[in-house]
Amino acid sequence: MRLCILFSFVFVVVDGRKLQNQQSYRCITVYGSDVRMQNCQGGPFQDWIIEEDGTIRNSGSNSCLYFNNGPANARITLQPCTYNRDGMQWTLVDGVLKNLRYNWCARPNTASNNGICLGSCTTGDIRQNWGEDETEEEKEIVFP
């Protein structure tokens, strides 16, 4: 008589995603207590998790993208994810990163130390187009 035992394990590795601007090909990066556009190199300060509640959290700092009341072209900043949820509600649909409170879209602001700002959403504006570099991988390993 032969006994055969089968074990099956599924490992899911989720590293988040880089948010890369499709005009500059630079990524949203945590820089101290701020966010800036920098060359995409990976790592925890370019690793963004889009949460089900609409917040976008950085895995390296555990802080969220935030926009406070301000005029168009005002900077997007970084705040603790529990700070003021109104300014932290975002959507990323068809490459457009939109703040739901103001209904404005994110784009690089090169005049402001490589920061990121919000402005009117313009269809076809490549400055407002963000790609998601997903690094999610699922592996199934079966041990006979």
C-alpha atoms as a PDB file:
ATOM      1  CA  MET A   1       0.000   0.000   0.000  1.00  0.00           C
ATOM      2  CA  ARG A   2       1.258   3.421  -0.943  1.00  0.00           C
ATOM      3  CA  LEU A   3       0.356   6.592   0.912  1.00  0.00           C
ATOM      4  CA  CYS A   4       0.462   9.882  -0.945  1.00  0.00           C
ATOM      5  CA  ILE A   5      -0.101  13.227   0.764  1.00  0.00           C
ATOM      6  CA  LEU A   6      -0.792  16.350  -1.268  1.00  0.00           C
ATOM      7  CA  PHE A   7      -0.209  19.848   0.115  1.00  0.00           C
ATOM      8  CA  SER A   8      -1.243  22.903  -1.809  1.00  0.00           C
ATOM      9  CA  PHE A   9      -0.232  26.457  -0.885  1.00  0.00           C
ATOM     10  CA  VAL A  10      -1.023  29.713  -2.639  1.00  0.00           C
ATOM     11  CA  PHE A  11       1.197  32.711  -2.002  1.00  0.00           C
ATOM     12  CA  VAL A  12       0.098  36.177  -3.097  1.00  0.00           C
ATOM     13  CA  VAL A  13       2.778  38.850  -3.127  1.00  0.00           C
ATOM     14  CA  VAL A  14       1.534  42.428  -3.375  1.00  0.00           C
ATOM     15  CA  ASP A  15       4.134  45.168  -3.594  1.00  0.00           C
ATOM     16  CA  GLY A  16       1.717  47.964  -4.527  1.00  0.00           C
ATOM     17  CA  ARG A  17       2.223  50.174  -7.555  1.00  0.00           C
ATOM     18  CA  LYS A  18       4.220  53.106  -8.756  1.00  0.00           C
ATOM     19  CA  LEU A  19       2.174  56.066 -10.001  1.00  0.00           C
ATOM     20  CA  GLN A  20       4.057  57.204 -13.087  1.00  0.00           C
ATOM     21  CA  ASN A  21       3.193  60.354 -15.032  1.00  0.00           C
ATOM     22  CA  GLN A  22       2.851  59.545 -18.726  1.00  0.00           C
ATOM     23  CA  GLN A  23       4.319  62.869 -19.884  1.00  0.00           C
ATOM     24  CA  SER A  24       7.435  63.059 -17.717  1.00  0.00           C
ATOM     25  CA  TYR A  25       7.731  59.311 -16.975  1.00  0.00           C
ATOM     26  CA  ARG A  26       8.541  60.294 -13.390  1.00  0.00           C
ATOM     27  CA  CYS A  27       6.853  58.815 -10.322  1.00  0.00           C
ATOM     28  CA  ILE A  28       5.069  60.276  -7.307  1.00  0.00           C
ATOM     29  CA  THR A  29       7.632  59.903  -4.536  1.00  0.00           C
ATOM     30  CA  VAL A  30       7.620  60.608  -0.796  1.00  0.00           C
ATOM     31  CA  TYR A  31      10.293  63.201  -0.071  1.00  0.00           C
ATOM     32  CA  GLY A  32      10.499  63.865   3.663  1.00  0.00           C
ATOM     33  CA  SER A  33       6.996  64.956   4.654  1.00  0.00           C
ATOM     34  CA  ASP A  34       6.146  65.983   1.092  1.00  0.00           C
ATOM     35  CA  VAL A  35       5.541  64.349  -2.284  1.00  0.00           C
ATOM     36  CA  ARG A  36       7.487  65.136  -5.441  1.00  0.00           C
ATOM     37  CA  MET A  37       8.036  63.861  -8.936  1.00  0.00           C
ATOM     38  CA  GLN A  38      11.268  61.867  -9.156  1.00  0.00           C
ATOM     39  CA  ASN A  39      12.780  59.251 -11.438  1.00  0.00           C
ATOM     40  CA  CYS A  40      11.042  55.907 -11.032  1.00  0.00           C
ATOM     41  CA  GLN A  41      13.377  53.658  -9.091  1.00  0.00           C
ATOM     42  CA  GLY A  42      10.976  51.611  -7.030  1.00  0.00           C
ATOM     43  CA  GLY A  43      11.232  51.086  -3.313  1.00  0.00           C
ATOM     44  CA  PRO A  44       8.808  51.838  -0.482  1.00  0.00           C
ATOM     45  CA  PHE A  45       8.638  55.606  -1.058  1.00  0.00           C
ATOM     46  CA  GLN A  46       7.248  55.071  -4.562  1.00  0.00           C
ATOM     47  CA  ASP A  47       4.958  52.231  -3.481  1.00  0.00           C
ATOM     48  CA  TRP A  48       1.317  53.390  -3.395  1.00  0.00           C
ATOM     49  CA  ILE A  49      -1.649  51.358  -2.236  1.00  0.00           C
ATOM     50  CA  ILE A  50      -5.048  52.423  -3.506  1.00  0.00           C
ATOM     51  CA  GLU A  51      -7.353  51.577  -0.620  1.00  0.00           C
ATOM     52  CA  GLU A  52     -11.013  50.627  -0.937  1.00  0.00           C
ATOM     53  CA  ASP A  53     -12.010  53.757   1.027  1.00  0.00           C
ATOM     54  CA  GLY A  54     -10.549  56.028  -1.685  1.00  0.00           C
ATOM     55  CA  THR A  55      -7.313  56.931   0.075  1.00  0.00           C
ATOM     56  CA  ILE A  56      -3.934  56.433  -1.594  1.00  0.00           C
ATOM     57  CA  ARG A  57      -1.413  55.305   1.019  1.00  0.00           C
ATOM     58  CA  ASN A  58       2.351  55.153   0.719  1.00  0.00           C
ATOM     59  CA  SER A  59       3.728  51.916   2.141  1.00  0.00           C
ATOM     60  CA  GLY A  60       7.062  53.487   3.142  1.00  0.00           C
ATOM     61  CA  SER A  61       5.684  56.376   5.188  1.00  0.00           C
ATOM     62  CA  ASN A  62       2.205  54.968   5.896  1.00  0.00           C
ATOM     63  CA  SER A  63       0.842  58.439   4.989  1.00  0.00           C
ATOM     64  CA  CYS A  64      -1.775  59.377   2.395  1.00  0.00           C
ATOM     65  CA  LEU A  65      -2.003  61.781  -0.528  1.00  0.00           C
ATOM     66  CA  TYR A  66      -3.894  64.880   0.624  1.00  0.00           C
ATOM     67  CA  PHE A  67      -5.225  68.075  -0.898  1.00  0.00           C
ATOM     68  CA  ASN A  68      -6.441  70.920   1.292  1.00  0.00           C
ATOM     69  CA  ASN A  69      -8.766  73.679   0.184  1.00  0.00           C
ATOM     70  CA  GLY A  70      -6.835  75.854  -2.192  1.00  0.00           C
ATOM     71  CA  PRO A  71      -6.893  77.369  -5.647  1.00  0.00           C
ATOM     72  CA  ALA A  72      -6.237  75.413  -8.789  1.00  0.00           C
ATOM     73  CA  ASN A  73      -2.551  74.520  -9.105  1.00  0.00           C
ATOM     74  CA  ALA A  74      -2.186  74.192  -5.313  1.00  0.00           C
ATOM     75  CA  ARG A  75       0.093  71.388  -4.179  1.00  0.00           C
ATOM     76  CA  ILE A  76      -0.851  67.865  -3.202  1.00  0.00           C
ATOM     77  CA  THR A  77       0.794  66.988   0.102  1.00  0.00           C
ATOM     78  CA  LEU A  78       1.232  64.021   2.408  1.00  0.00           C
ATOM     79  CA  GLN A  79      -0.645  63.651   5.703  1.00  0.00           C
ATOM     80  CA  PRO A  80      -1.378  60.874   8.220  1.00  0.00           C
ATOM     81  CA  CYS A  81      -4.183  58.779   6.763  1.00  0.00           C
ATOM     82  CA  THR A  82      -6.452  59.677   9.716  1.00  0.00           C
ATOM     83  CA  TYR A  83      -5.995  63.469   9.291  1.00  0.00           C
ATOM     84  CA  ASN A  84      -8.877  64.846   7.191  1.00  0.00           C
ATOM     85  CA  ARG A  85     -10.547  62.223   5.085  1.00  0.00           C
ATOM     86  CA  ASP A  86     -12.337  64.778   2.864  1.00  0.00           C
ATOM     87  CA  GLY A  87      -9.101  65.824   1.148  1.00  0.00           C
ATOM     88  CA  MET A  88      -7.958  62.212   0.809  1.00  0.00           C
ATOM     89  CA  GLN A  89     -10.661  60.794  -1.434  1.00  0.00           C
ATOM     90  CA  TRP A  90      -9.285  59.889  -4.884  1.00  0.00           C
ATOM     91  CA  THR A  91     -10.160  57.890  -7.948  1.00  0.00           C
ATOM     92  CA  LEU A  92      -7.793  56.557 -10.580  1.00  0.00           C
ATOM     93  CA  VAL A  93      -9.859  55.809 -13.664  1.00  0.00           C
ATOM     94  CA  ASP A  94      -8.461  55.488 -17.184  1.00  0.00           C
ATOM     95  CA  GLY A  95      -5.164  56.919 -15.962  1.00  0.00           C
ATOM     96  CA  VAL A  96      -6.675  60.084 -14.455  1.00  0.00           C
ATOM     97  CA  LEU A  97      -6.000  60.693 -10.749  1.00  0.00           C
ATOM     98  CA  LYS A  98      -8.909  62.785  -9.489  1.00  0.00           C
ATOM     99  CA  ASN A  99      -9.593  64.286  -6.054  1.00  0.00           C
ATOM    100  CA  LEU A 100     -13.278  63.629  -5.346  1.00  0.00           C
ATOM    101  CA  ARG A 101     -13.805  66.568  -2.990  1.00  0.00           C
ATOM    102  CA  TYR A 102     -12.805  69.176  -5.578  1.00  0.00           C
ATOM    103  CA  ASN A 103     -13.337  67.158  -8.767  1.00  0.00           C
ATOM    104  CA  TRP A 104      -9.885  68.276  -9.961  1.00  0.00           C
ATOM    105  CA  CYS A 105      -7.130  66.187 -11.512  1.00  0.00           C
ATOM    106  CA  ALA A 106      -3.511  65.682 -10.487  1.00  0.00           C
ATOM    107  CA  ARG A 107      -0.591  66.738 -12.663  1.00  0.00           C
ATOM    108  CA  PRO A 108       3.088  67.565 -12.150  1.00  0.00           C
ATOM    109  CA  ASN A 109       3.905  71.149 -11.214  1.00  0.00           C
ATOM    110  CA  THR A 110       7.460  71.667 -12.422  1.00  0.00           C
ATOM    111  CA  ALA A 111       7.427  75.313 -11.301  1.00  0.00           C
ATOM    112  CA  SER A 112       6.987  74.130  -7.729  1.00  0.00           C
ATOM    113  CA  ASN A 113      10.079  72.043  -6.937  1.00  0.00           C
ATOM    114  CA  ASN A 114       8.806  69.058  -8.920  1.00  0.00           C
ATOM    115  CA  GLY A 115       5.650  68.922  -6.832  1.00  0.00           C
ATOM    116  CA  ILE A 116       2.247  67.615  -7.798  1.00  0.00           C
ATOM    117  CA  CYS A 117      -0.786  69.889  -8.014  1.00  0.00           C
ATOM    118  CA  LEU A 118      -4.491  69.792  -8.838  1.00  0.00           C
ATOM    119  CA  GLY A 119      -6.186  71.634 -11.663  1.00  0.00           C
ATOM    120  CA  SER A 120      -9.185  71.450 -13.928  1.00  0.00           C
ATOM    121  CA  CYS A 121      -9.598  68.065 -15.551  1.00  0.00           C
ATOM    122  CA  THR A 122      -8.943  68.307 -19.277  1.00  0.00           C
ATOM    123  CA  THR A 123      -9.740  65.389 -21.552  1.00  0.00           C
ATOM    124  CA  GLY A 124      -6.649  64.266 -23.431  1.00  0.00           C
ATOM    125  CA  ASP A 125      -4.181  66.292 -21.310  1.00  0.00           C
ATOM    126  CA  ILE A 126      -1.193  63.945 -21.079  1.00  0.00           C
ATOM    127  CA  ARG A 127       0.056  65.826 -17.996  1.00  0.00           C
ATOM    128  CA  GLN A 128      -2.965  64.381 -16.158  1.00  0.00           C
ATOM    129  CA  ASN A 129      -2.344  60.818 -17.310  1.00  0.00           C
ATOM    130  CA  TRP A 130      -0.883  58.442 -14.726  1.00  0.00           C
ATOM    131  CA  GLY A 131       0.147  54.874 -15.368  1.00  0.00           C
ATOM    132  CA  GLU A 132       0.075  52.208 -12.719  1.00  0.00           C
ATOM    133  CA  ASP A 133       3.155  50.058 -12.636  1.00  0.00           C
ATOM    134  CA  GLU A 134       1.613  47.084 -10.870  1.00  0.00           C
ATOM    135  CA  THR A 135       3.988  44.594  -9.327  1.00  0.00           C
ATOM    136  CA  GLU A 136       1.448  42.090  -8.142  1.00  0.00           C
ATOM    137  CA  GLU A 137       2.281  38.488  -8.607  1.00  0.00           C
ATOM    138  CA  GLU A 138       0.445  35.306  -7.743  1.00  0.00           C
ATOM    139  CA  LYS A 139       2.235  32.002  -7.544  1.00  0.00           C
ATOM    140  CA  GLU A 140       0.844  28.594  -6.821  1.00  0.00           C
ATOM    141  CA  ILE A 141       3.262  26.055  -5.455  1.00  0.00           C
ATOM    142  CA  VAL A 142       2.157  22.456  -5.171  1.00  0.00           C
ATOM    143  CA  PHE A 143       4.212  19.970  -3.213  1.00  0.00           C
ATOM    144  CA  PRO A 144       3.465  16.403  -4.282  1.00  0.00           C
END
